Amino acid sequence: MKRTATTFVAAMVLLAAGCSSDGGGGGSTSGADVPGVTDTEVVVGTHHPLTGPAAAGYASISPATKAYFDFVNANGGVHGRKITYKVKDDGYNPATTQQVVRELVLQDKVFAVINGLGTPTHTGVLDFLKTNRVPDLFVASGSRSWNQPDKYPGTFGFNPDYTVEGKILGTYVKDNLAGKKVCFLGQDDDFGRDSLLGLEKVVGAVAAKGTYVTSNPNVGPQFGQFKAAGCEVVVLATIPGFTALSIGTAAKIAFKPQFVVSNVGADPTTVGKALGAAAPLMEGLVAANYLPLSTDEANPWISLFKKVNTEYNNGAEFDNNVVYGMSVAYLFVQSLQAAGKDLTRDGIVEAVKKNGFGGPGLVPLRFSATDHAGYGGTQLTKVEGGKAVFFGTAYTTDDAEGAVAPHTAQVVTPPSNGVPAA
């Protein structure tokens, strides 16, 4: 009975929200009050794993995003509005994600959800955000689910989609590790499935493959299988904790493959902390990135983000997750600038579709009316002396049969004051 009553109330709230005059993801507007927007403030929110199995590394993303917003606020905000950023901990639990996103939308009245993190978590809130016409911007995951403009017109990705990344990592394997047996371990969701799809488009069927779930921190059976199969290369579509678990488990059974890892689970600082004294086992690990590396002191974006980190993020440890969080924030500020002073939900969705954004990324963003995926490629990295180092050139491709092609990017530098112009 309680469930029925709750469902009825929720349905009435959604109906009321659906009749709201301000849209997101394709709805019309009539100039009425916009949720989360006043003349002096825009309120946005997110769900992130501040605790739980994915907290390692990922918990530092939202504070970095907020730090950049605070920096922009201190410099006058955007069109006279300060950005208020509400962060809800979902523990990387899909049921909790649904609860906290409902709070953001129905209680906190956020204008938009920014960079909600996780494939299994965010998948469950797509329909709710669409029904409530809330722009769903720059999802922190490379699932192809975010790139469905017809079904989810207000949802946009940020990360390169996992099939694109899988194709690029597969190209490295094919070109540099030809003839070696390849295994694959991936998360048991779109993250793992899409990564494997991209990998096998290039290298063909892998010799052995396994999956993991975040609630079971044991990959011993999978790595026993890989060792028995004689695999010499292991490609991982793993979050950082499971990257470390995989490397450590392999070492315990005297299995020494070449690891090739998705960018989402390859930050050396995060993985190294999880490995502890075994951190040197990361040496030689090949991965990918599409943003400047936190250790590249000569990069002007890193100089900007380090300054912001020191002044507005309490001097938190500066790693690739911090770079990621600030890069997302920079893109959102660009989007607000492009949407104009008369800010509406439809307006910001249209601004993102128009794209034309320049920022710290090594490859272009794919945004258009027909493509809502994020970055269109990556560049390869290798861990040397405990640090990730870029090598070769950046590559772009698609999630279908398109070629993996070298990309020579025009270098974009940040504005002198660190805030994108309107």
Protein backbone atom coordinates (compact mmCIF):
# COMPACT_ATOMS: atom_id res chain seq x y z
CA MET A 1 0.00 0.00 0.00
CA LYS A 2 2.79 2.38 0.92
CA ARG A 3 4.51 1.62 -2.40
CA THR A 4 1.28 2.35 -4.30
CA ALA A 5 0.77 5.66 -2.52
CA THR A 6 4.37 6.68 -3.08
CA THR A 7 4.13 5.78 -6.76
CA PHE A 8 0.93 7.83 -7.12
CA VAL A 9 2.49 10.90 -5.46
CA ALA A 10 5.62 10.56 -7.60
CA ALA A 11 3.50 10.29 -10.73
CA MET A 12 1.63 13.48 -9.84
CA VAL A 13 4.91 15.31 -9.20
CA LEU A 14 6.29 14.12 -12.52
CA LEU A 15 3.10 15.16 -14.29
CA ALA A 16 3.35 18.62 -12.80
CA ALA A 17 7.00 18.85 -13.76
CA GLY A 18 6.20 17.63 -17.26
CA CYS A 19 3.74 20.50 -17.64
CA SER A 20 6.37 23.02 -16.59
CA SER A 21 6.88 25.81 -19.05
CA ASP A 22 10.66 25.40 -19.14
CA GLY A 23 11.98 22.47 -21.09
CA GLY A 24 15.17 20.48 -21.23
CA GLY A 25 15.95 18.04 -23.97
CA GLY A 26 13.59 19.45 -26.53
CA GLY A 27 10.64 20.90 -24.55
CA SER A 28 9.28 24.34 -25.31
CA THR A 29 9.64 27.39 -23.10
CA SER A 30 7.37 30.35 -22.55
CA GLY A 31 9.70 32.61 -20.59
CA ALA A 32 8.38 31.55 -17.16
CA ASP A 33 10.67 31.03 -14.18
CA VAL A 34 13.39 28.50 -14.88
CA PRO A 35 14.15 25.96 -12.11
CA GLY A 36 17.48 26.68 -10.44
CA VAL A 37 17.95 30.05 -12.11
CA THR A 38 17.69 33.55 -10.65
CA ASP A 39 19.27 36.82 -11.75
CA THR A 40 22.23 36.09 -9.45
CA GLU A 41 22.51 32.30 -9.25
CA VAL A 42 22.32 29.05 -11.22
CA VAL A 43 22.01 25.86 -9.19
CA VAL A 44 23.26 22.59 -10.67
CA GLY A 45 23.91 19.19 -9.15
CA THR A 46 25.50 15.81 -9.58
CA HIS A 47 25.72 12.29 -8.18
CA HIS A 48 29.22 10.97 -7.45
CA PRO A 49 30.66 8.08 -5.43
CA LEU A 50 32.13 9.87 -2.45
CA THR A 51 32.07 6.52 -0.65
CA GLY A 52 31.94 2.90 -1.79
CA PRO A 53 33.85 0.78 -4.31
CA ALA A 54 34.43 3.58 -6.84
CA ALA A 55 35.32 6.34 -4.39
CA ALA A 56 39.08 5.88 -4.84
CA GLY A 57 40.10 8.68 -7.17
CA TYR A 58 36.59 9.48 -8.31
CA ALA A 59 35.71 11.17 -4.99
CA SER A 60 38.16 13.94 -5.86
CA ILE A 61 36.39 14.88 -9.11
CA SER A 62 33.44 16.87 -7.75
CA PRO A 63 35.54 18.97 -5.32
CA ALA A 64 37.73 19.91 -8.29
CA THR A 65 34.68 20.86 -10.34
CA LYS A 66 33.37 22.97 -7.48
CA ALA A 67 36.80 24.60 -7.08
CA TYR A 68 36.74 25.80 -10.69
CA PHE A 69 33.17 27.06 -10.25
CA ASP A 70 34.27 28.94 -7.12
CA PHE A 71 37.13 30.45 -9.13
CA VAL A 72 34.69 31.62 -11.81
CA ASN A 73 32.32 32.96 -9.12
CA ALA A 74 35.17 34.97 -7.62
CA ASN A 75 35.72 36.48 -11.05
CA GLY A 76 32.13 37.64 -11.47
CA GLY A 77 30.35 34.42 -12.40
CA VAL A 78 28.64 33.92 -15.76
CA HIS A 79 26.30 36.64 -17.04
CA GLY A 80 26.20 37.93 -13.46
CA ARG A 81 25.21 34.57 -11.98
CA LYS A 82 27.21 32.59 -9.43
CA ILE A 83 27.22 28.79 -9.87
CA THR A 84 26.02 26.73 -6.91
CA TYR A 85 27.04 23.08 -7.22
CA LYS A 86 25.21 20.45 -5.15
CA VAL A 87 26.98 17.09 -4.88
CA LYS A 88 25.16 13.96 -3.69
CA ASP A 89 26.96 10.77 -2.66
CA ASP A 90 25.48 7.69 -4.31
CA GLY A 91 28.17 5.20 -3.28
CA TYR A 92 28.19 3.89 -6.88
CA ASN A 93 24.90 2.16 -6.05
CA PRO A 94 22.22 2.50 -8.76
CA ALA A 95 19.35 2.47 -6.26
CA THR A 96 20.95 5.28 -4.27
CA THR A 97 21.60 7.20 -7.48
CA GLN A 98 17.90 7.23 -8.26
CA GLN A 99 17.13 8.49 -4.77
CA VAL A 100 19.67 11.33 -4.76
CA VAL A 101 18.86 12.45 -8.30
CA ARG A 102 15.20 12.70 -7.32
CA GLU A 103 16.31 14.90 -4.41
CA LEU A 104 18.34 17.13 -6.72
CA VAL A 105 15.46 17.59 -9.13
CA LEU A 106 12.37 17.64 -6.90
CA GLN A 107 13.77 19.18 -3.71
CA ASP A 108 16.85 21.18 -4.71
CA LYS A 109 15.25 22.26 -8.02
CA VAL A 110 18.52 22.12 -9.93
CA PHE A 111 18.73 23.71 -13.35
CA ALA A 112 20.75 20.79 -14.72
CA VAL A 113 22.62 17.67 -13.70
CA ILE A 114 26.33 17.94 -14.53
CA ASN A 115 28.75 15.02 -14.88
CA GLY A 116 26.72 12.35 -13.09
CA LEU A 117 29.23 9.54 -12.66
CA GLY A 118 29.00 5.91 -13.62
CA THR A 119 27.55 3.64 -16.27
CA PRO A 120 25.42 1.39 -14.01
CA THR A 121 24.36 4.33 -11.86
CA HIS A 122 23.46 6.97 -14.41
CA THR A 123 21.65 4.57 -16.74
CA GLY A 124 18.84 4.33 -14.20
CA VAL A 125 18.09 8.07 -14.13
CA LEU A 126 17.97 8.83 -17.85
CA ASP A 127 14.21 8.50 -18.14
CA PHE A 128 13.56 10.45 -14.93
CA LEU A 129 15.71 13.37 -16.09
CA LYS A 130 14.07 13.33 -19.50
CA THR A 131 10.56 13.28 -18.00
CA ASN A 132 11.44 16.23 -15.79
CA ARG A 133 13.10 18.06 -18.69
CA VAL A 134 16.38 18.46 -16.84
CA PRO A 135 19.47 18.96 -19.02
CA ASP A 136 21.76 15.98 -18.40
CA LEU A 137 25.16 17.30 -19.34
CA PHE A 138 28.58 15.70 -19.69
CA VAL A 139 27.96 12.32 -18.08
CA ALA A 140 31.10 10.90 -16.45
CA SER A 141 31.18 7.65 -18.39
CA GLY A 142 31.84 6.55 -21.93
CA SER A 143 28.71 4.47 -22.41
CA ARG A 144 27.05 4.84 -25.78
CA SER A 145 23.74 5.20 -23.91
CA TRP A 146 24.37 8.93 -23.57
CA ASN A 147 24.51 9.32 -27.34
CA GLN A 148 20.83 8.82 -28.19
CA PRO A 149 19.69 12.28 -29.37
CA ASP A 150 16.27 11.08 -30.50
CA LYS A 151 15.48 9.19 -27.28
CA TYR A 152 17.34 11.42 -24.80
CA PRO A 153 17.67 14.85 -26.44
CA GLY A 154 18.95 16.52 -23.27
CA THR A 155 21.70 14.00 -22.42
CA PHE A 156 25.32 14.48 -23.52
CA GLY A 157 28.46 12.52 -22.73
CA PHE A 158 31.93 13.79 -21.89
CA ASN A 159 34.37 10.87 -21.93
CA PRO A 160 35.24 9.27 -25.26
CA ASP A 161 32.78 6.44 -25.65
CA TYR A 162 34.17 3.07 -24.66
CA THR A 163 33.87 1.59 -28.13
CA VAL A 164 35.96 4.43 -29.55
CA GLU A 165 38.53 3.90 -26.81
CA GLY A 166 38.46 0.13 -27.29
CA LYS A 167 39.23 0.56 -30.99
CA ILE A 168 42.19 2.84 -30.24
CA LEU A 169 43.60 0.53 -27.58
CA GLY A 170 43.03 -2.38 -29.96
CA THR A 171 44.98 -0.57 -32.66
CA TYR A 172 47.92 -0.25 -30.27
CA VAL A 173 47.73 -3.98 -29.52
CA LYS A 174 47.46 -4.90 -33.19
CA ASP A 175 50.36 -2.67 -34.25
CA ASN A 176 52.74 -3.30 -31.35
CA LEU A 177 51.83 -6.68 -29.86
CA ALA A 178 50.92 -8.61 -32.98
CA GLY A 179 50.75 -12.36 -32.59
CA LYS A 180 50.35 -12.26 -28.81
CA LYS A 181 47.32 -13.81 -27.12
CA VAL A 182 44.93 -11.16 -25.85
CA CYS A 183 42.56 -11.45 -22.86
CA PHE A 184 39.94 -9.02 -21.64
CA LEU A 185 38.44 -8.19 -18.24
CA GLY A 186 35.59 -5.71 -18.07
CA GLN A 187 32.93 -4.40 -15.72
CA ASP A 188 29.66 -6.30 -16.08
CA ASP A 189 27.73 -3.48 -17.74
CA ASP A 190 27.93 -1.20 -20.79
CA PHE A 191 31.44 -0.14 -19.73
CA GLY A 192 32.79 -3.64 -20.21
CA ARG A 193 30.58 -4.61 -23.14
CA ASP A 194 31.24 -1.46 -25.18
CA SER A 195 34.99 -1.63 -24.53
CA LEU A 196 35.14 -5.25 -25.65
CA LEU A 197 33.10 -4.42 -28.75
CA GLY A 198 35.63 -1.76 -29.78
CA LEU A 199 38.63 -3.96 -28.98
CA GLU A 200 37.35 -6.91 -30.99
CA LYS A 201 36.49 -4.70 -33.97
CA VAL A 202 40.26 -4.29 -34.35
CA VAL A 203 41.96 -7.39 -32.93
CA GLY A 204 39.25 -9.96 -33.58
CA ALA A 205 37.98 -12.37 -30.94
CA VAL A 206 40.06 -12.36 -27.76
CA ALA A 207 41.48 -15.62 -26.43
CA ALA A 208 39.65 -15.35 -23.11
CA LYS A 209 37.37 -12.83 -21.46
CA GLY A 210 35.88 -12.26 -18.05
CA THR A 211 33.72 -9.81 -16.16
CA TYR A 212 33.55 -8.49 -12.60
CA VAL A 213 30.96 -6.81 -10.41
CA THR A 214 31.98 -4.05 -8.02
CA SER A 215 30.36 -5.84 -5.05
CA ASN A 216 32.81 -8.76 -5.34
CA PRO A 217 36.47 -7.71 -4.92
CA ASN A 218 37.92 -10.98 -6.16
CA VAL A 219 39.24 -11.44 -9.68
CA GLY A 220 41.30 -14.52 -8.87
CA PRO A 221 39.21 -16.92 -11.00
CA GLN A 222 39.37 -14.62 -14.02
CA PHE A 223 43.14 -14.25 -13.84
CA GLY A 224 43.59 -17.96 -13.25
CA GLN A 225 41.67 -18.46 -16.49
CA PHE A 226 43.81 -15.91 -18.33
CA LYS A 227 47.04 -17.49 -17.16
CA ALA A 228 45.83 -20.95 -18.15
CA ALA A 229 44.88 -19.64 -21.59
CA GLY A 230 48.44 -18.39 -22.13
CA CYS A 231 47.40 -14.78 -22.54
CA GLU A 232 50.25 -12.31 -22.99
CA VAL A 233 48.17 -9.11 -23.13
CA VAL A 234 45.32 -8.25 -20.77
CA VAL A 235 43.05 -5.35 -21.70
CA LEU A 236 41.14 -3.93 -18.73
CA ALA A 237 37.88 -1.99 -18.74
CA THR A 238 38.03 -1.38 -15.00
CA ILE A 239 37.52 1.35 -12.41
CA PRO A 240 40.74 2.22 -10.49
CA GLY A 241 40.22 -0.15 -7.57
CA PHE A 242 39.76 -3.09 -9.91
CA THR A 243 42.74 -2.05 -12.03
CA ALA A 244 44.87 -2.29 -8.89
CA LEU A 245 43.17 -5.54 -7.90
CA SER A 246 43.88 -7.02 -11.34
CA ILE A 247 47.55 -6.03 -11.32
CA GLY A 248 48.02 -7.32 -7.78
CA THR A 249 46.18 -10.58 -8.43
CA ALA A 250 48.26 -11.29 -11.53
CA ALA A 251 51.46 -10.73 -9.57
CA LYS A 252 50.36 -13.15 -6.84
CA ILE A 253 50.04 -15.99 -9.35
CA ALA A 254 53.28 -15.06 -11.15
CA PHE A 255 51.36 -13.97 -14.24
CA LYS A 256 53.06 -11.09 -16.05
CA PRO A 257 51.04 -9.91 -19.05
CA GLN A 258 51.23 -6.52 -20.73
CA PHE A 259 48.36 -4.52 -19.24
CA VAL A 260 46.42 -2.16 -21.53
CA VAL A 261 43.85 -0.18 -19.56
CA SER A 262 40.86 2.10 -20.16
CA ASN A 263 41.52 5.71 -19.22
CA VAL A 264 38.84 5.65 -16.52
CA GLY A 265 40.83 3.18 -14.44
CA ALA A 266 44.41 4.15 -15.22
CA ASP A 267 45.31 7.24 -13.18
CA PRO A 268 48.74 6.31 -11.73
CA THR A 269 48.21 8.25 -8.51
CA THR A 270 44.91 6.55 -7.75
CA VAL A 271 45.95 3.05 -8.80
CA GLY A 272 49.32 3.44 -7.10
CA LYS A 273 47.66 4.29 -3.79
CA ALA A 274 45.50 1.18 -4.02
CA LEU A 275 48.54 -0.97 -4.79
CA GLY A 276 50.60 0.52 -1.98
CA ALA A 277 54.08 -1.01 -1.86
CA ALA A 278 53.26 -2.90 -5.05
CA ALA A 279 52.84 0.34 -7.07
CA PRO A 280 55.97 -0.40 -9.17
CA LEU A 281 53.95 -3.20 -10.80
CA MET A 282 52.26 -0.47 -12.87
CA GLU A 283 55.49 0.22 -14.76
CA GLY A 284 54.94 -0.17 -18.49
CA LEU A 285 51.15 -0.09 -18.23
CA VAL A 286 49.64 1.30 -21.45
CA ALA A 287 46.47 3.38 -21.29
CA ALA A 288 44.97 6.45 -22.93
CA ASN A 289 43.88 9.98 -22.11
CA TYR A 290 42.25 12.88 -23.89
CA LEU A 291 43.10 15.65 -21.40
CA PRO A 292 46.48 17.06 -20.36
CA LEU A 293 48.33 14.94 -17.81
CA SER A 294 48.57 16.30 -14.29
CA THR A 295 52.36 15.88 -14.32
CA ASP A 296 52.89 18.03 -17.45
CA GLU A 297 54.14 21.17 -15.72
CA ALA A 298 54.71 22.97 -19.04
CA ASN A 299 51.07 22.70 -20.14
CA PRO A 300 49.19 26.01 -19.63
CA TRP A 301 45.98 24.21 -18.68
CA ILE A 302 47.82 22.34 -15.95
CA SER A 303 49.26 25.64 -14.72
CA LEU A 304 45.75 27.13 -14.56
CA PHE A 305 44.19 24.11 -12.86
CA LYS A 306 47.02 23.86 -10.32
CA LYS A 307 46.50 27.52 -9.43
CA VAL A 308 42.76 26.93 -8.99
CA ASN A 309 43.47 23.77 -7.00
CA THR A 310 45.74 25.63 -4.61
CA GLU A 311 43.45 28.59 -4.10
CA TYR A 312 39.98 26.98 -4.17
CA ASN A 313 40.46 23.26 -3.49
CA ASN A 314 42.51 23.47 -0.30
CA GLY A 315 45.61 22.37 -2.18
CA ALA A 316 44.25 18.85 -2.65
CA GLU A 317 46.53 16.25 -4.18
CA PHE A 318 46.74 17.15 -7.85
CA ASP A 319 46.11 14.19 -10.13
CA ASN A 320 44.32 13.37 -13.37
CA ASN A 321 40.97 13.17 -11.57
CA VAL A 322 41.36 16.81 -10.53
CA VAL A 323 42.23 17.74 -14.12
CA TYR A 324 39.12 15.88 -15.24
CA GLY A 325 36.84 17.64 -12.75
CA MET A 326 38.10 21.09 -13.72
CA SER A 327 37.87 20.30 -17.43
CA VAL A 328 34.20 19.39 -17.01
CA ALA A 329 33.62 22.62 -15.10
CA TYR A 330 35.35 24.68 -17.81
CA LEU A 331 33.09 23.13 -20.46
CA PHE A 332 29.97 23.84 -18.43
CA VAL A 333 31.00 27.47 -18.00
CA GLN A 334 31.53 27.69 -21.77
CA SER A 335 28.04 26.25 -22.23
CA LEU A 336 26.51 28.82 -19.87
CA GLN A 337 28.31 31.60 -21.72
CA ALA A 338 27.02 30.32 -25.05
CA ALA A 339 23.46 29.94 -23.77
CA GLY A 340 23.32 33.66 -23.03
CA LYS A 341 21.96 35.81 -20.21
CA ASP A 342 18.36 34.71 -20.81
CA LEU A 343 19.16 31.23 -19.50
CA THR A 344 16.71 28.41 -20.14
CA ARG A 345 17.04 24.66 -20.16
CA ASP A 346 16.31 24.49 -23.88
CA GLY A 347 18.83 27.26 -24.44
CA ILE A 348 21.72 25.39 -22.88
CA VAL A 349 20.87 22.17 -24.71
CA GLU A 350 20.90 24.07 -28.00
CA ALA A 351 24.20 25.74 -27.08
CA VAL A 352 25.85 22.37 -26.43
CA LYS A 353 24.54 20.96 -29.71
CA LYS A 354 26.11 23.90 -31.57
CA ASN A 355 29.49 22.91 -30.08
CA GLY A 356 32.44 25.01 -31.22
CA PHE A 357 34.00 24.63 -27.77
CA GLY A 358 37.75 24.92 -27.36
CA GLY A 359 39.38 23.75 -24.18
CA PRO A 360 41.96 21.43 -22.67
CA GLY A 361 40.99 18.36 -24.70
CA LEU A 362 43.53 16.78 -27.06
CA VAL A 363 40.82 15.87 -29.58
CA PRO A 364 37.56 17.58 -30.60
CA LEU A 365 34.23 17.18 -28.86
CA ARG A 366 31.71 15.42 -31.10
CA PHE A 367 28.60 17.38 -30.07
CA SER A 368 26.05 18.18 -32.76
CA ALA A 369 22.32 17.85 -33.29
CA THR A 370 22.82 14.20 -34.22
CA ASP A 371 25.78 13.24 -32.00
CA HIS A 372 25.72 13.62 -28.21
CA ALA A 373 28.90 11.68 -27.48
CA GLY A 374 31.77 13.51 -25.81
CA TYR A 375 35.39 13.55 -26.91
CA GLY A 376 36.08 11.79 -30.19
CA GLY A 377 39.31 9.97 -29.39
CA THR A 378 42.35 9.58 -27.15
CA GLN A 379 46.13 9.56 -27.09
CA LEU A 380 48.12 6.66 -25.68
CA THR A 381 50.12 6.84 -22.47
CA LYS A 382 52.66 4.59 -20.79
CA VAL A 383 53.64 4.50 -17.12
CA GLU A 384 57.33 5.34 -16.82
CA GLY A 385 58.92 6.00 -13.45
CA GLY A 386 55.51 5.91 -11.81
CA LYS A 387 54.07 8.60 -14.10
CA ALA A 388 51.91 8.40 -17.21
CA VAL A 389 53.67 9.82 -20.27
CA PHE A 390 52.06 10.46 -23.66
CA PHE A 391 53.60 8.83 -26.70
CA GLY A 392 52.73 8.84 -30.39
CA THR A 393 49.88 10.96 -31.65
CA ALA A 394 46.23 11.39 -30.71
CA TYR A 395 43.67 9.32 -32.60
CA THR A 396 40.02 9.76 -33.43
CA THR A 397 37.45 7.24 -34.64
CA ASP A 398 33.77 6.36 -34.30
CA ASP A 399 31.87 3.58 -32.59
CA ALA A 400 31.10 1.86 -35.89
CA GLU A 401 33.43 0.75 -38.67
CA GLY A 402 35.31 4.01 -39.20
CA ALA A 403 39.09 3.97 -39.33
CA VAL A 404 41.28 4.86 -36.37
CA ALA A 405 42.96 7.98 -37.73
CA PRO A 406 45.78 10.18 -36.38
CA HIS A 407 44.62 13.59 -35.23
CA THR A 408 46.85 16.66 -35.19
CA ALA A 409 45.13 19.12 -32.90
CA GLN A 410 45.41 22.88 -33.00
CA VAL A 411 46.85 23.83 -29.63
CA VAL A 412 44.27 25.70 -27.57
CA THR A 413 45.47 27.76 -24.64
CA PRO A 414 43.32 29.01 -21.76
CA PRO A 415 42.23 32.64 -21.64
CA SER A 416 44.54 34.92 -19.70
CA ASN A 417 42.16 35.22 -16.75
CA GLY A 418 41.28 31.50 -16.83
CA VAL A 419 37.57 32.11 -17.54
CA PRO A 420 36.08 31.45 -20.99
CA ALA A 421 34.65 34.50 -22.66
CA ALA A 422 31.05 34.81 -23.75
